[in-house]
Every structure is written in structure tokens, then in C-alpha cells.
Amino acid sequence: MEEPSDNRQKKVVAVVGGGLVGALNACFFAKRGLDVEVFESREDIRQAKVVKGRSINLALSHRGRQALKHVGMEEKIVSQGIPMHARMIHSLNGKQSPIPYGKKSQVNRLPATYKLTNHSETYPNAKLNFDHKLQDWSAEKGLMTFVRSDGTKEHIQADLIVGCDGAFSAIRKQFLRRSRFNYSQTYIPHGYMELTMPPINGEFAMKPNYLHIWPRNTFMMIALPNLDKTFTCTLFMPFDEFEKITTGDQVIEFFQKCFPDSIPLIGADALREDYFRLPAQAMVSVKCSPYHIGDKCVLMGDAAHAVVPFYGQGMNAGFEDCIVFDEIMEQFNEDLAAVLAEYSRVRVPDDHAIADLAMYNYVEMRAHVNSKWFLFRKHVDNILHFVMPKTIIPLYTMVTFTRTRYHKAVERWQWQDKVNTPTFYFLKYKTKKLLVKSYQTIENNGRAYLRHLHFQKTSDLITIY
């Protein structure tokens, strides 16, 4: 029998944007056997002497890890990260109080773009193109025009165009010209500024396996560890507050008032200098729908759903886009018309949900963690999860340590909140009665104070101060 000649032309996929999501997508498409080309407007950052721009530290959790695992990159990237097991709350008086996450896992700070870019190049059917800025493209024909820094142009035809080119996506601009495309962007009134906390005697200045938070109600500072033993401190604050600080002395006065324990760790001279190195940066949240045009183009990552950074899910949601798309490709046997429509149907409600959760979590991080009632509810949540692990699951656990769909996690959280609220008030009432009884007992024994009351079940599950 004559061997069938494979004259079928493999589908050509053009990924516009060579950042984290673009590089991971290249791996997914190449692994699937498709011809994939990545087009990045910047030069190859692996060879650049100076990398322009900056970003808030990245957190890698279960969703992102599952996507990396699918292309064989999970352990390679996780091994370069730093495990994060809890929040560490810094009060004004310098007291530090840990708040554990729903369960132990790794939330890693990592510069993953280099490794994913290198890995995508190991596929013979993947090609990377740098210094290629998208000038125009046609959704009907799949034709794109790129211009290089020397002015030369290149025309590319593709069966599928994947827009992974960030919050200010050039691909998405074409979507805006079409009817029935919904789009919104919201700049929050807060900006962010990054500062560096150097090592002390070659070691971390603070405990490294924590997300350090200085919550101050209307603003906050966080710090995450880096592999070089520094911490990246990020100050989130309303722009009008940033603008009030105009001199080095005002910087020190502000930090003495709000973050006094950080001054000796960052250094007063470094604070004076770093605060004015760059202006505070804006943060934008983007929502749109649908994510596709016909069978020719789809948006992923920040191009589809830029989120503010307060749930640590921006990169994870982008990585999950890749694996969800791949799963749908498998489900519909690579029928792009069916795949793209289903991808929008499945992914839009989830990405809108995580965008809303990220906004909510900023209030939690800068204000709620100061509330004893909030902390009490967190402790009770963890107890109920310990007792009924399949019935009561904390929201943070669902979002960070499972692949429960984001919008389903929100729905379950809202249901649990309605069910649990009477329990919280009952426990609060019983706790108050028990505290009064404990004080009376201690006073009868002649002791004047109560420092700690512990409720225990195999290990300390709740501590009330």
C-alpha cells in the first residue's frame, strides 16, 4: 500500500507578544504540533544590556503550576522561586503577626520569561521574532503587517492569531472596531512604587518565606523576597498622597509615621534616593468580551483581562488561559471556529470574577487584616475547613490552591458566607462568655491579667488575644 503523502499544511499560529503568556502559549501550540511564530515588539530581553520597564513581583500558585507542568516546565521554574507560606502583618508598633494561607504551598517570586522563552526555542516548529511591532492586521484574512526598528516591514499570514500583547494590546484595537464587543478599563486611584531592601550581612533582612504587609487602611506596603537576598518593597497609595511628598525629609517623616520598622532595613539614605527615582505607576483593570473573532483571532492574558495585582493571580490566570485553551482544542479536535467560541464562553466569566476579586483583595490587604473580627472569621473558616474539608473551603484556598473556576469559587464563597455568618456570631458570643468566665476565675485566684487563651484540637487552630 502506498504511504499517504502528508500534503496537508499544518496550521500556522502567530502569537503576538513574547512575554510570559506568549512564551508559554508558544510551548503549548508547538507541543501540539502546530507551526508557531512569536512576534515581540521589544528586543530579545535575554540579550539586552538594559531591560526597560518594571513589574510588581510575580506569584506562582496552583493554576500556573498546572499549566507549566503540562509543558514540562513546572519544576524548572519552581526550583528558582522562593516558597511563601503566610502573610506577615507589620503593625505600627513593630509587632509582627503571621496569618497562614489556607494550606501550605509555594507562591514563588520568579523571573520566568527567560526560561519559558528558552524552552519554546527547543521546539523545531517554533520561531521567535523580536523587534517586530504590529502595525496592522486583518481578522478576515489572518494577515498581519509588522514593522521593525529600521523601518522595514514584514507581512505574515496565519491560520490563528493569538493576542498576548498586554493590557494595551494592539491586537485588541481591532476588536474595538467591531460591533457587539464589550470593553471597559478602570484605573484605580492608587499607584505603586517599588523600593529595595538590601541584605544584611549577606542574609535576608526579614524572614523570607512570608508576604510581608504593612496595612494602613487607605494604603499599604508589601515586601517579597528575591533570590539575591533582597526584598522588593512595593508601596501602594493614592496618587494624591504620593504627590504630597516632595522632599527627602518628607519621605523619612512619612516612613517614620507609617512604616517605622522598615527604615533601618531599607536605609534612610536609600529611601531618600529611591523614592524619587521613578514616579508612582498606575494600575489598570481591563474587562472585555468576547475574546475571539470568528475562527481567526483570540485574546489571552492581560490583553483579555488585565487585573490589579492584589490577589497574586494575574500571571496565574494568564497561564491558565493557555491550558484551558489547550483542553478545549483537544475537546473539539482543533476545530478553530468551535474552539474559539467555546473558549470565550468558558473563560470570560472566570476572568471577570478574578478581576473583581483582585479589587476586593486590595481592601482586605490594606484594611481588613487590621480587624480582629476579620481575623476571627479567618480562624473560624480554617477550623470549619479542617472539620468539613469538602463542605467549607476558604475563598483563598479555592482561588490559590485549586483550579476551581474563578466564578464558581466566588459563588461558593458567597453561599458559605451566608451559611457561616450565624456560626460566626454564635462563636463570638460564646467566646465572650468564656472570656468573662476565665477572667473571673483568674481574678478569684488572685491573678490580674489574662495574656492568652488557646482553643486547641490536636494543634492550635485558633488563638484569641
Protein backbone atom coordinates (compact mmCIF):
# COMPACT_ATOMS: atom_id res chain seq x y z
CA MET A 1 0.00 0.00 0.00
CA GLU A 2 1.28 3.41 -0.89
CA GLU A 3 2.13 5.60 2.07
CA PRO A 4 -0.21 8.59 2.16
CA SER A 5 1.72 11.72 1.36
CA ASP A 6 1.26 14.37 4.00
CA ASN A 7 0.45 17.29 1.78
CA ARG A 8 -1.74 18.81 4.46
CA GLN A 9 -0.33 22.12 5.56
CA LYS A 10 -0.08 22.35 9.32
CA LYS A 11 -1.96 25.20 10.91
CA VAL A 12 0.17 28.29 11.41
CA VAL A 13 -0.30 30.11 14.72
CA ALA A 14 1.00 33.64 15.22
CA VAL A 15 1.42 34.66 18.86
CA VAL A 16 1.66 38.44 19.19
CA GLY A 17 3.52 39.27 22.39
CA GLY A 18 6.54 37.41 23.72
CA GLY A 19 6.04 37.89 27.46
CA LEU A 20 5.16 35.20 29.96
CA VAL A 21 1.80 34.18 28.47
CA GLY A 22 3.04 34.47 24.90
CA ALA A 23 6.09 32.31 25.58
CA LEU A 24 4.04 29.67 27.40
CA ASN A 25 1.45 29.66 24.61
CA ALA A 26 4.23 29.03 22.09
CA CYS A 27 5.17 25.92 24.07
CA PHE A 28 1.57 24.68 24.13
CA PHE A 29 0.99 25.18 20.39
CA ALA A 30 4.39 23.75 19.43
CA LYS A 31 3.84 20.71 21.62
CA ARG A 32 0.53 20.18 19.85
CA GLY A 33 2.44 20.01 16.55
CA LEU A 34 1.35 23.34 15.09
CA ASP A 35 3.76 25.74 13.42
CA VAL A 36 4.01 28.69 15.76
CA GLU A 37 5.73 32.05 15.43
CA VAL A 38 6.04 34.56 18.26
CA PHE A 39 6.28 38.27 17.45
CA GLU A 40 7.60 40.61 20.13
CA SER A 41 7.94 44.37 19.64
CA ARG A 42 10.91 44.66 22.03
CA GLU A 43 14.42 43.37 21.51
CA ASP A 44 15.31 39.97 22.96
CA ILE A 45 15.46 40.70 26.70
CA ARG A 46 17.85 37.78 27.17
CA GLN A 47 20.47 39.75 25.24
CA ALA A 48 19.54 43.27 26.28
CA LYS A 49 22.01 45.16 28.44
CA VAL A 50 19.21 47.18 29.98
CA VAL A 51 15.68 45.81 30.28
CA LYS A 52 13.20 48.67 30.19
CA GLY A 53 10.15 48.71 32.42
CA ARG A 54 9.49 47.14 35.77
CA SER A 55 6.83 44.96 37.28
CA ILE A 56 5.37 44.04 40.64
CA ASN A 57 6.73 40.75 41.95
CA LEU A 58 5.12 37.66 40.47
CA ALA A 59 3.36 34.98 42.47
CA LEU A 60 3.06 31.45 41.11
CA SER A 61 0.33 29.21 42.55
CA HIS A 62 -1.54 26.03 41.61
CA ARG A 63 -3.20 27.24 38.40
CA GLY A 64 0.03 28.49 36.93
CA ARG A 65 1.94 25.43 38.08
CA GLN A 66 -0.52 23.10 36.35
CA ALA A 67 -0.05 24.94 33.06
CA LEU A 68 3.75 24.83 33.42
CA LYS A 69 3.60 21.14 34.30
CA HIS A 70 1.80 20.40 31.04
CA VAL A 71 4.81 21.60 29.04
CA GLY A 72 7.41 20.14 31.40
CA MET A 73 8.46 23.44 32.98
CA GLU A 74 6.96 23.34 36.47
CA GLU A 75 9.94 22.10 38.47
CA LYS A 76 12.45 24.11 36.43
CA ILE A 77 10.70 27.34 37.35
CA VAL A 78 9.55 26.45 40.87
CA SER A 79 13.11 25.49 41.79
CA GLN A 80 14.16 29.06 41.06
CA GLY A 81 11.43 30.57 43.23
CA ILE A 82 11.02 31.22 46.94
CA PRO A 83 8.28 29.40 48.92
CA MET A 84 5.74 31.66 50.59
CA HIS A 85 3.71 30.09 53.41
CA ALA A 86 1.96 33.01 55.10
CA ARG A 87 1.35 36.73 55.33
CA MET A 88 3.36 38.60 57.94
CA ILE A 89 1.50 41.65 59.23
CA HIS A 90 3.63 44.56 60.48
CA SER A 91 1.80 46.81 62.94
CA LEU A 92 2.76 50.41 63.69
CA ASN A 93 4.45 49.43 66.95
CA GLY A 94 6.69 46.95 65.11
CA LYS A 95 4.84 43.81 66.16
CA GLN A 96 4.81 41.08 63.50
CA SER A 97 1.87 38.66 63.28
CA PRO A 98 1.67 35.80 60.76
CA ILE A 99 -1.59 34.87 59.02
CA PRO A 100 -1.16 31.45 57.36
CA TYR A 101 -2.56 30.80 53.91
CA GLY A 102 -5.37 28.26 53.52
CA LYS A 103 -2.80 25.49 53.32
CA LYS A 104 0.94 25.25 52.77
CA SER A 105 2.01 25.65 49.18
CA GLN A 106 4.54 27.55 47.19
CA VAL A 107 3.88 31.03 45.97
CA ASN A 108 7.01 31.98 44.14
CA ARG A 109 8.67 35.18 43.08
CA LEU A 110 10.32 34.36 39.77
CA PRO A 111 11.70 35.86 36.58
CA ALA A 112 10.17 33.17 34.36
CA THR A 113 10.24 34.83 30.95
CA TYR A 114 13.83 33.82 30.21
CA LYS A 115 13.21 30.16 30.94
CA LEU A 116 9.93 29.95 29.03
CA THR A 117 11.46 31.74 26.04
CA ASN A 118 14.42 29.35 26.07
CA HIS A 119 12.10 26.36 26.35
CA SER A 120 9.92 27.48 23.43
CA GLU A 121 13.05 27.59 21.25
CA THR A 122 13.67 23.89 21.87
CA TYR A 123 10.70 23.05 19.62
CA PRO A 124 11.71 22.81 15.93
CA ASN A 125 8.29 24.10 14.86
CA ALA A 126 8.54 27.29 16.95
CA LYS A 127 10.19 30.52 15.83
CA LEU A 128 10.76 33.71 17.82
CA ASN A 129 10.78 37.11 16.13
CA PHE A 130 11.96 40.13 18.12
CA ASP A 131 11.85 43.80 17.15
CA HIS A 132 8.55 43.17 15.33
CA LYS A 133 5.91 45.79 16.13
CA LEU A 134 2.40 45.06 14.89
CA GLN A 135 1.26 47.82 12.58
CA ASP A 136 -1.99 46.39 11.23
CA TRP A 137 -3.84 43.11 10.81
CA SER A 138 -6.95 41.66 9.20
CA ALA A 139 -9.28 39.41 11.15
CA GLU A 140 -10.87 38.14 7.93
CA LYS A 141 -7.66 37.16 6.16
CA GLY A 142 -5.35 36.48 9.10
CA LEU A 143 -2.83 38.83 7.51
CA MET A 144 -0.53 40.90 9.71
CA THR A 145 1.96 43.67 8.98
CA PHE A 146 4.93 44.14 11.30
CA VAL A 147 7.42 46.99 11.22
CA ARG A 148 10.96 46.78 12.57
CA SER A 149 13.05 49.50 14.17
CA ASP A 150 14.96 50.03 10.90
CA GLY A 151 11.69 50.80 9.10
CA THR A 152 11.43 47.54 7.14
CA LYS A 153 8.07 45.78 7.03
CA GLU A 154 7.14 42.12 7.08
CA HIS A 155 3.80 40.59 6.09
CA ILE A 156 2.72 37.39 7.82
CA GLN A 157 -0.26 35.11 7.13
CA ALA A 158 -1.59 32.86 9.91
CA ASP A 159 -4.50 30.50 10.48
CA LEU A 160 -4.82 31.70 14.07
CA ILE A 161 -3.70 34.97 15.65
CA VAL A 162 -3.27 34.90 19.44
CA GLY A 163 -3.11 38.28 21.12
CA CYS A 164 -0.86 38.09 24.19
CA ASP A 165 0.41 41.64 23.92
CA GLY A 166 -0.61 43.01 27.29
CA ALA A 167 -3.07 45.44 28.82
CA PHE A 168 -2.66 47.95 25.99
CA SER A 169 -2.97 45.30 23.29
CA ALA A 170 -2.53 46.30 19.65
CA ILE A 171 -4.49 43.19 18.65
CA ARG A 172 -7.45 44.23 20.80
CA LYS A 173 -7.72 47.57 18.98
CA GLN A 174 -9.24 45.74 16.01
CA PHE A 175 -11.82 44.19 18.33
CA LEU A 176 -12.89 47.69 19.38
CA ARG A 177 -13.89 48.50 15.80
CA ARG A 178 -16.39 45.65 15.72
CA SER A 179 -19.97 45.71 16.88
CA ARG A 180 -21.10 43.79 19.97
CA PHE A 181 -17.64 43.83 21.52
CA ASN A 182 -17.80 44.90 25.16
CA TYR A 183 -14.83 46.67 26.68
CA SER A 184 -14.07 48.57 29.86
CA GLN A 185 -10.93 49.71 31.60
CA THR A 186 -10.66 51.11 35.10
CA TYR A 187 -7.70 52.93 36.58
CA ILE A 188 -7.78 52.70 40.35
CA PRO A 189 -6.93 55.90 42.25
CA HIS A 190 -3.89 54.23 43.80
CA GLY A 191 -0.44 53.96 42.29
CA TYR A 192 2.57 51.88 43.23
CA MET A 193 6.25 52.50 43.78
CA GLU A 194 8.99 49.91 44.21
CA LEU A 195 11.82 50.19 46.72
CA THR A 196 14.64 47.78 47.52
CA MET A 197 15.50 46.35 50.94
CA PRO A 198 19.12 45.12 50.77
CA PRO A 199 20.55 42.05 52.55
CA ILE A 200 22.07 42.44 56.00
CA ASN A 201 25.44 40.68 56.35
CA GLY A 202 24.64 38.66 53.24
CA GLU A 203 21.29 37.38 54.54
CA PHE A 204 17.66 38.42 54.18
CA ALA A 205 16.78 41.45 56.31
CA MET A 206 13.46 39.80 57.27
CA LYS A 207 12.08 36.26 57.30
CA PRO A 208 11.98 35.28 53.61
CA ASN A 209 9.09 32.81 53.42
CA TYR A 210 6.39 35.41 54.01
CA LEU A 211 4.47 38.04 52.14
CA HIS A 212 5.23 40.98 54.42
CA ILE A 213 2.40 43.54 54.67
CA TRP A 214 2.26 46.92 56.39
CA PRO A 215 -1.54 47.60 56.25
CA ARG A 216 -2.52 51.19 56.92
CA ASN A 217 -6.23 51.24 55.97
CA THR A 218 -6.15 53.59 52.95
CA PHE A 219 -2.71 52.46 51.75
CA MET A 220 -0.14 49.75 52.40
CA MET A 221 3.36 48.50 51.69
CA ILE A 222 4.27 44.91 50.89
CA ALA A 223 7.63 43.16 50.59
CA LEU A 224 8.53 39.97 48.76
CA PRO A 225 11.91 38.20 48.76
CA ASN A 226 14.23 37.84 45.78
CA LEU A 227 16.83 35.19 45.06
CA ASP A 228 19.67 37.70 45.62
CA LYS A 229 18.58 38.07 49.29
CA THR A 230 16.98 41.46 48.70
CA PHE A 231 13.32 42.29 49.23
CA THR A 232 11.27 44.24 46.72
CA CYS A 233 9.09 46.60 48.75
CA THR A 234 6.05 47.95 46.92
CA LEU A 235 4.21 50.97 48.29
CA PHE A 236 0.56 51.18 47.19
CA MET A 237 -1.01 54.55 47.91
CA PRO A 238 -3.45 57.11 46.42
CA PHE A 239 -1.72 59.31 43.86
CA ASP A 240 -2.59 62.48 45.77
CA GLU A 241 -0.70 61.10 48.79
CA PHE A 242 2.37 60.38 46.64
CA GLU A 243 2.23 63.92 45.30
CA LYS A 244 2.27 65.44 48.80
CA ILE A 245 5.78 64.08 49.38
CA THR A 246 8.26 66.30 47.53
CA THR A 247 11.49 66.22 49.56
CA GLY A 248 13.77 63.61 51.08
CA ASP A 249 12.98 64.81 54.59
CA GLN A 250 9.25 64.37 53.91
CA VAL A 251 9.93 60.80 52.77
CA ILE A 252 11.65 59.96 56.05
CA GLU A 253 8.93 61.72 58.06
CA PHE A 254 6.25 59.73 56.23
CA PHE A 255 8.02 56.39 56.79
CA GLN A 256 8.69 57.20 60.46
CA LYS A 257 4.97 57.82 60.89
CA CYS A 258 3.67 54.85 58.85
CA PHE A 259 6.41 52.21 58.46
CA PRO A 260 8.99 52.94 61.18
CA ASP A 261 10.40 49.42 61.38
CA SER A 262 11.27 49.46 57.66
CA ILE A 263 13.60 52.49 57.79
CA PRO A 264 16.66 50.76 59.30
CA LEU A 265 16.11 47.82 56.93
CA ILE A 266 15.83 49.86 53.72
CA GLY A 267 18.20 52.60 54.86
CA ALA A 268 17.32 56.28 55.27
CA ASP A 269 19.68 57.46 52.50
CA ALA A 270 18.40 54.80 50.09
CA LEU A 271 14.80 55.80 50.87
CA ARG A 272 15.51 59.44 50.09
CA GLU A 273 17.03 58.49 46.76
CA ASP A 274 14.81 55.58 45.63
CA TYR A 275 11.52 57.36 46.34
CA PHE A 276 12.23 59.91 43.61
CA ARG A 277 13.94 57.58 41.14
CA LEU A 278 10.68 56.97 39.24
CA PRO A 279 7.18 58.39 39.69
CA ALA A 280 4.39 56.22 41.07
CA GLN A 281 2.97 53.89 38.42
CA ALA A 282 -0.69 53.44 37.54
CA MET A 283 -2.68 50.19 37.76
CA VAL A 284 -5.44 49.32 35.34
CA SER A 285 -8.13 46.64 35.29
CA VAL A 286 -9.41 45.57 31.86
CA LYS A 287 -12.54 43.58 31.05
CA CYS A 288 -13.83 42.66 27.62
CA SER A 289 -15.95 40.09 25.81
CA PRO A 290 -15.96 38.08 23.68
CA TYR A 291 -12.32 37.04 23.48
CA HIS A 292 -12.43 35.92 19.86
CA ILE A 293 -13.23 36.95 16.31
CA GLY A 294 -14.59 34.10 14.18
CA ASP A 295 -12.01 31.35 13.79
CA LYS A 296 -9.06 33.71 13.26
CA CYS A 297 -8.16 35.52 16.46
CA VAL A 298 -8.29 35.11 20.24
CA LEU A 299 -7.11 37.23 23.18
CA MET A 300 -5.30 35.80 26.21
CA GLY A 301 -3.53 37.08 29.31
CA ASP A 302 -3.59 40.81 30.06
CA ALA A 303 -4.81 41.54 26.52
CA ALA A 304 -8.08 39.89 27.57
CA HIS A 305 -8.19 40.56 31.30
CA ALA A 306 -5.61 42.81 32.90
CA VAL A 307 -6.11 42.72 36.67
CA VAL A 308 -4.72 44.72 39.56
CA PRO A 309 -2.06 42.72 41.43
CA PHE A 310 -3.71 42.22 44.81
CA TYR A 311 -4.72 38.57 44.53
CA GLY A 312 -1.45 37.38 43.01
CA GLN A 313 -3.43 35.83 40.15
CA GLY A 314 -2.53 37.93 37.11
CA MET A 315 0.16 35.59 35.81
CA ASN A 316 -1.70 32.51 37.04
CA ALA A 317 -4.88 33.49 35.22
CA GLY A 318 -2.85 34.10 32.05
CA PHE A 319 -1.12 30.74 32.36
CA GLU A 320 -4.48 29.06 33.00
CA ASP A 321 -5.76 30.65 29.76
CA CYS A 322 -3.15 28.55 27.94
CA ILE A 323 -4.11 25.23 29.48
CA VAL A 324 -7.87 25.90 29.21
CA PHE A 325 -7.44 26.71 25.51
CA ASP A 326 -5.40 23.55 25.02
CA GLU A 327 -8.07 21.46 26.76
CA ILE A 328 -10.75 22.93 24.51
CA MET A 329 -8.57 22.30 21.45
CA GLU A 330 -8.47 18.66 22.48
CA GLN A 331 -12.22 18.58 23.16
CA PHE A 332 -13.14 19.99 19.73
CA ASN A 333 -10.39 18.28 17.72
CA GLU A 334 -8.75 21.63 16.81
CA ASP A 335 -11.85 22.94 15.01
CA LEU A 336 -10.91 26.59 15.50
CA ALA A 337 -14.40 28.03 14.93
CA ALA A 338 -15.82 25.81 17.69
CA VAL A 339 -12.75 26.15 19.93
CA LEU A 340 -12.66 29.95 19.93
CA ALA A 341 -16.37 30.34 20.63
CA GLU A 342 -16.22 27.82 23.48
CA TYR A 343 -13.11 29.45 24.91
CA SER A 344 -14.91 32.80 25.16
CA ARG A 345 -17.97 31.17 26.68
CA VAL A 346 -15.92 29.37 29.34
CA ARG A 347 -13.26 31.91 30.14
CA VAL A 348 -14.97 35.31 30.16
CA PRO A 349 -16.98 34.82 33.40
CA ASP A 350 -13.93 33.41 35.17
CA ASP A 351 -11.63 36.25 34.20
CA HIS A 352 -14.21 38.88 35.11
CA ALA A 353 -14.56 37.19 38.51
CA ILE A 354 -10.83 37.28 39.27
CA ALA A 355 -10.69 40.94 38.17
CA ASP A 356 -13.37 41.76 40.76
CA LEU A 357 -11.68 39.62 43.42
CA ALA A 358 -8.37 41.41 42.87
CA MET A 359 -10.10 44.73 43.52
CA TYR A 360 -11.74 43.33 46.67
CA ASN A 361 -8.49 41.88 47.97
CA TYR A 362 -6.81 45.28 48.00
CA VAL A 363 -9.32 46.40 50.63
CA GLU A 364 -8.68 43.18 52.56
CA MET A 365 -4.91 43.57 52.48
CA ARG A 366 -4.70 47.23 53.42
CA ALA A 367 -7.60 47.42 55.87
CA HIS A 368 -9.38 44.19 56.85
CA VAL A 369 -6.27 42.45 58.17
CA ASN A 370 -6.25 45.07 60.95
CA SER A 371 -9.71 43.97 62.10
CA LYS A 372 -9.98 41.48 64.96
CA TRP A 373 -13.40 40.41 63.67
CA PHE A 374 -11.90 39.69 60.23
CA LEU A 375 -9.07 37.66 61.78
CA PHE A 376 -11.54 35.80 63.97
CA ARG A 377 -13.61 34.86 60.91
CA LYS A 378 -10.44 33.70 59.13
CA HIS A 379 -9.60 31.42 62.06
CA VAL A 380 -13.12 30.00 62.17
CA ASP A 381 -13.04 29.49 58.38
CA ASN A 382 -9.90 27.40 58.79
CA ILE A 383 -11.43 25.38 61.65
CA LEU A 384 -14.57 24.65 59.63
CA HIS A 385 -12.42 23.68 56.65
CA PHE A 386 -10.41 21.35 58.91
CA VAL A 387 -13.59 19.73 60.24
CA MET A 388 -15.52 19.71 56.93
CA PRO A 389 -12.86 19.94 54.18
CA LYS A 390 -15.25 19.12 51.33
CA THR A 391 -18.08 21.38 52.51
CA ILE A 392 -16.36 24.55 53.71
CA ILE A 393 -13.42 25.76 51.64
CA PRO A 394 -11.94 29.24 52.23
CA LEU A 395 -12.06 31.51 49.19
CA TYR A 396 -8.29 31.99 49.18
CA THR A 397 -7.80 28.23 49.15
CA MET A 398 -10.16 27.78 46.19
CA VAL A 399 -8.52 30.57 44.21
CA THR A 400 -4.88 29.89 45.00
CA PHE A 401 -4.59 26.15 45.63
CA THR A 402 -7.16 24.61 43.26
CA ARG A 403 -8.35 25.01 39.69
CA THR A 404 -11.93 25.65 40.77
CA ARG A 405 -13.28 28.05 38.17
CA TYR A 406 -12.96 31.58 39.46
CA HIS A 407 -16.63 32.47 39.14
CA LYS A 408 -17.66 29.17 40.77
CA ALA A 409 -15.29 29.94 43.66
CA VAL A 410 -16.99 33.31 44.15
CA GLU A 411 -20.46 31.72 44.07
CA ARG A 412 -19.42 29.13 46.65
CA TRP A 413 -17.78 31.77 48.82
CA GLN A 414 -20.98 33.83 48.84
CA TRP A 415 -23.03 30.76 49.76
CA GLN A 416 -20.62 29.81 52.54
CA ASP A 417 -20.69 33.35 53.88
CA LYS A 418 -24.49 33.22 54.22
CA VAL A 419 -24.32 29.80 55.90
CA ASN A 420 -21.41 30.63 58.19
CA THR A 421 -22.44 34.09 59.39
CA PRO A 422 -24.78 32.79 62.15
CA THR A 423 -21.98 30.43 63.21
CA PHE A 424 -19.52 33.32 63.48
CA TYR A 425 -21.86 35.37 65.67
CA PHE A 426 -22.64 32.34 67.84
CA LEU A 427 -18.94 31.61 68.35
CA LYS A 428 -18.24 35.26 69.03
CA TYR A 429 -20.97 35.30 71.70
CA LYS A 430 -19.75 32.06 73.28
CA THR A 431 -16.17 33.29 73.19
CA LYS A 432 -17.08 36.49 75.02
CA LYS A 433 -18.89 34.49 77.72
CA LEU A 434 -15.93 32.15 78.06
CA LEU A 435 -13.51 35.07 78.30
CA VAL A 436 -15.60 36.68 81.07
CA LYS A 437 -15.72 33.39 82.95
CA SER A 438 -11.97 32.95 82.51
CA TYR A 439 -11.25 36.42 83.84
CA GLN A 440 -13.47 35.81 86.88
CA THR A 441 -11.71 32.53 87.59
CA ILE A 442 -8.29 34.12 87.30
CA GLU A 443 -9.26 37.06 89.50
CA ASN A 444 -10.57 34.62 92.12
CA ASN A 445 -7.13 33.05 92.08
CA GLY A 446 -5.57 36.45 92.59
CA ARG A 447 -4.11 36.89 89.10
CA ALA A 448 -4.59 40.30 87.49
CA TYR A 449 -4.40 39.64 83.78
CA LEU A 450 -5.03 37.15 81.00
CA ARG A 451 -2.44 37.07 78.31
CA HIS A 452 -3.54 34.28 76.00
CA LEU A 453 -6.50 31.98 75.70
CA HIS A 454 -5.96 28.96 73.46
CA PHE A 455 -8.54 26.68 71.91
CA GLN A 456 -6.82 23.50 70.86
CA LYS A 457 -7.66 20.48 68.80
CA THR A 458 -4.56 18.36 68.15
CA SER A 459 -2.78 21.63 67.36
CA ASP A 460 -3.56 25.29 67.88
CA LEU A 461 -6.25 26.11 65.37
CA ILE A 462 -7.39 29.38 66.83
CA THR A 463 -5.73 31.86 69.14
CA ILE A 464 -7.62 34.77 70.65
CA TYR A 465 -5.66 37.67 72.12
